[in-house]
Amino acid sequence: GEFIRGWDDGRGIDAGRTLLSGQDGTSFSHYGGNFDIGSGHSINNYDQIVSNQPGFSRFSFAGSSRGDGVNHVTIRPRNIAFNYIVRAA
């Protein structure tokens, strides 16, 4: 499926993006801390399908986590730029 994402109409949020254009999913790793304990994961290979399990996304886990601070991953789903029209009565 596609998610609808509001079109920014040239305000610089998604520079160069046109109305009804598609955008692939993206993953972003976030970390707040400063030392490595040598274990953990990151997510790669988004938008790829496992050949023997149609309908499931395949994720690769690799990398390291930190022993302090905050680790998490934010994922932007695949989406289409849409112009919301609001009518004020």
C-alpha atoms as a PDB file:
ATOM      1  CA  GLY A   1       0.000   0.000   0.000  1.00  0.00           C
ATOM      2  CA  GLU A   2       0.876   3.641  -0.289  1.00  0.00           C
ATOM      3  CA  PHE A   3       0.707   6.222   2.475  1.00  0.00           C
ATOM      4  CA  ILE A   4      -0.502   9.720   1.650  1.00  0.00           C
ATOM      5  CA  ARG A   5       1.945  12.469   2.596  1.00  0.00           C
ATOM      6  CA  GLY A   6       1.007  16.135   2.376  1.00  0.00           C
ATOM      7  CA  TRP A   7       2.650  17.959  -0.545  1.00  0.00           C
ATOM      8  CA  ASP A   8       4.722  20.925   0.693  1.00  0.00           C
ATOM      9  CA  ASP A   9       4.156  23.041  -2.477  1.00  0.00           C
ATOM     10  CA  GLY A  10       7.736  24.372  -2.619  1.00  0.00           C
ATOM     11  CA  ARG A  11       8.192  25.241   1.082  1.00  0.00           C
ATOM     12  CA  GLY A  12      11.509  23.327   1.230  1.00  0.00           C
ATOM     13  CA  ILE A  13      10.420  20.284   3.263  1.00  0.00           C
ATOM     14  CA  ASP A  14      10.821  17.942   0.276  1.00  0.00           C
ATOM     15  CA  ALA A  15      12.607  20.180  -2.244  1.00  0.00           C
ATOM     16  CA  GLY A  16      11.904  19.265  -5.857  1.00  0.00           C
ATOM     17  CA  ARG A  17       9.030  16.922  -5.045  1.00  0.00           C
ATOM     18  CA  THR A  18       6.052  17.186  -7.395  1.00  0.00           C
ATOM     19  CA  LEU A  19       2.372  16.610  -6.732  1.00  0.00           C
ATOM     20  CA  LEU A  20       1.390  12.892  -6.839  1.00  0.00           C
ATOM     21  CA  SER A  21       5.051  11.785  -7.020  1.00  0.00           C
ATOM     22  CA  GLY A  22       6.024   8.599  -5.195  1.00  0.00           C
ATOM     23  CA  GLN A  23       8.759   8.270  -2.565  1.00  0.00           C
ATOM     24  CA  ASP A  24      10.451   5.061  -1.384  1.00  0.00           C
ATOM     25  CA  GLY A  25      10.574   4.098   2.268  1.00  0.00           C
ATOM     26  CA  THR A  26      13.602   5.202   4.270  1.00  0.00           C
ATOM     27  CA  SER A  27      15.103   4.186   7.596  1.00  0.00           C
ATOM     28  CA  PHE A  28      16.956   6.505   9.940  1.00  0.00           C
ATOM     29  CA  SER A  29      19.002   5.343  12.936  1.00  0.00           C
ATOM     30  CA  HIS A  30      19.102   7.648  15.958  1.00  0.00           C
ATOM     31  CA  TYR A  31      21.541   7.489  18.857  1.00  0.00           C
ATOM     32  CA  GLY A  32      22.052   9.638  21.905  1.00  0.00           C
ATOM     33  CA  GLY A  33      25.155   8.535  23.805  1.00  0.00           C
ATOM     34  CA  ASN A  34      28.883   7.937  23.453  1.00  0.00           C
ATOM     35  CA  PHE A  35      30.141   4.376  23.961  1.00  0.00           C
ATOM     36  CA  ASP A  36      29.870   1.103  22.034  1.00  0.00           C
ATOM     37  CA  ILE A  37      29.209  -2.286  23.657  1.00  0.00           C
ATOM     38  CA  GLY A  38      29.511  -4.158  20.339  1.00  0.00           C
ATOM     39  CA  SER A  39      26.012  -5.568  19.882  1.00  0.00           C
ATOM     40  CA  GLY A  40      22.766  -4.451  18.333  1.00  0.00           C
ATOM     41  CA  HIS A  41      21.285  -3.853  14.906  1.00  0.00           C
ATOM     42  CA  SER A  42      20.364  -1.440  12.165  1.00  0.00           C
ATOM     43  CA  ILE A  43      17.688  -1.889   9.506  1.00  0.00           C
ATOM     44  CA  ASN A  44      18.638  -1.985   5.828  1.00  0.00           C
ATOM     45  CA  ASN A  45      17.159  -3.347   2.596  1.00  0.00           C
ATOM     46  CA  TYR A  46      13.743  -1.772   3.081  1.00  0.00           C
ATOM     47  CA  ASP A  47      11.144  -2.252   0.328  1.00  0.00           C
ATOM     48  CA  GLN A  48      12.516  -5.660  -0.650  1.00  0.00           C
ATOM     49  CA  ILE A  49      10.305  -8.729  -0.562  1.00  0.00           C
ATOM     50  CA  VAL A  50      11.355 -12.147   0.733  1.00  0.00           C
ATOM     51  CA  SER A  51      10.866 -14.432  -2.284  1.00  0.00           C
ATOM     52  CA  ASN A  52       9.427 -17.373  -0.333  1.00  0.00           C
ATOM     53  CA  GLN A  53       7.135 -15.208   1.826  1.00  0.00           C
ATOM     54  CA  PRO A  54       5.274 -12.737  -0.424  1.00  0.00           C
ATOM     55  CA  GLY A  55       3.933  -9.695   1.381  1.00  0.00           C
ATOM     56  CA  PHE A  56       6.684  -9.533   4.031  1.00  0.00           C
ATOM     57  CA  SER A  57       9.514  -6.997   3.976  1.00  0.00           C
ATOM     58  CA  ARG A  58      13.075  -8.241   4.388  1.00  0.00           C
ATOM     59  CA  PHE A  59      15.326  -6.501   6.909  1.00  0.00           C
ATOM     60  CA  SER A  60      19.065  -7.035   7.453  1.00  0.00           C
ATOM     61  CA  PHE A  61      20.387  -6.666  10.988  1.00  0.00           C
ATOM     62  CA  ALA A  62      24.000  -5.563  11.441  1.00  0.00           C
ATOM     63  CA  GLY A  63      26.040  -2.985  13.282  1.00  0.00           C
ATOM     64  CA  SER A  64      26.368  -2.077  16.935  1.00  0.00           C
ATOM     65  CA  SER A  65      24.319  -0.563  19.725  1.00  0.00           C
ATOM     66  CA  ARG A  66      25.439   1.749  22.494  1.00  0.00           C
ATOM     67  CA  GLY A  67      25.581   1.102  26.222  1.00  0.00           C
ATOM     68  CA  ASP A  68      24.220   4.493  27.190  1.00  0.00           C
ATOM     69  CA  GLY A  69      21.848   6.997  25.705  1.00  0.00           C
ATOM     70  CA  VAL A  70      18.917   6.165  23.460  1.00  0.00           C
ATOM     71  CA  ASN A  71      18.864   3.883  20.392  1.00  0.00           C
ATOM     72  CA  HIS A  72      15.895   3.693  18.058  1.00  0.00           C
ATOM     73  CA  VAL A  73      15.036   3.571  14.363  1.00  0.00           C
ATOM     74  CA  THR A  74      12.506   5.788  12.615  1.00  0.00           C
ATOM     75  CA  ILE A  75      11.072   4.552   9.338  1.00  0.00           C
ATOM     76  CA  ARG A  76       9.316   6.689   6.737  1.00  0.00           C
ATOM     77  CA  PRO A  77       6.925   4.444   4.781  1.00  0.00           C
ATOM     78  CA  ARG A  78       6.622   4.479   1.021  1.00  0.00           C
ATOM     79  CA  ASN A  79       4.301   7.376   0.179  1.00  0.00           C
ATOM     80  CA  ILE A  80       2.736   9.605  -2.462  1.00  0.00           C
ATOM     81  CA  ALA A  81       2.618  13.432  -2.362  1.00  0.00           C
ATOM     82  CA  PHE A  82      -0.987  14.554  -2.034  1.00  0.00           C
ATOM     83  CA  ASN A  83      -2.558  18.020  -2.009  1.00  0.00           C
ATOM     84  CA  TYR A  84      -5.093  18.207   0.811  1.00  0.00           C
ATOM     85  CA  ILE A  85      -7.984  20.531   0.024  1.00  0.00           C
ATOM     86  CA  VAL A  86      -9.776  21.984   3.056  1.00  0.00           C
ATOM     87  CA  ARG A  87     -13.016  23.866   2.588  1.00  0.00           C
ATOM     88  CA  ALA A  88     -13.914  26.449   5.198  1.00  0.00           C
ATOM     89  CA  ALA A  89     -17.680  26.867   5.517  1.00  0.00           C
END
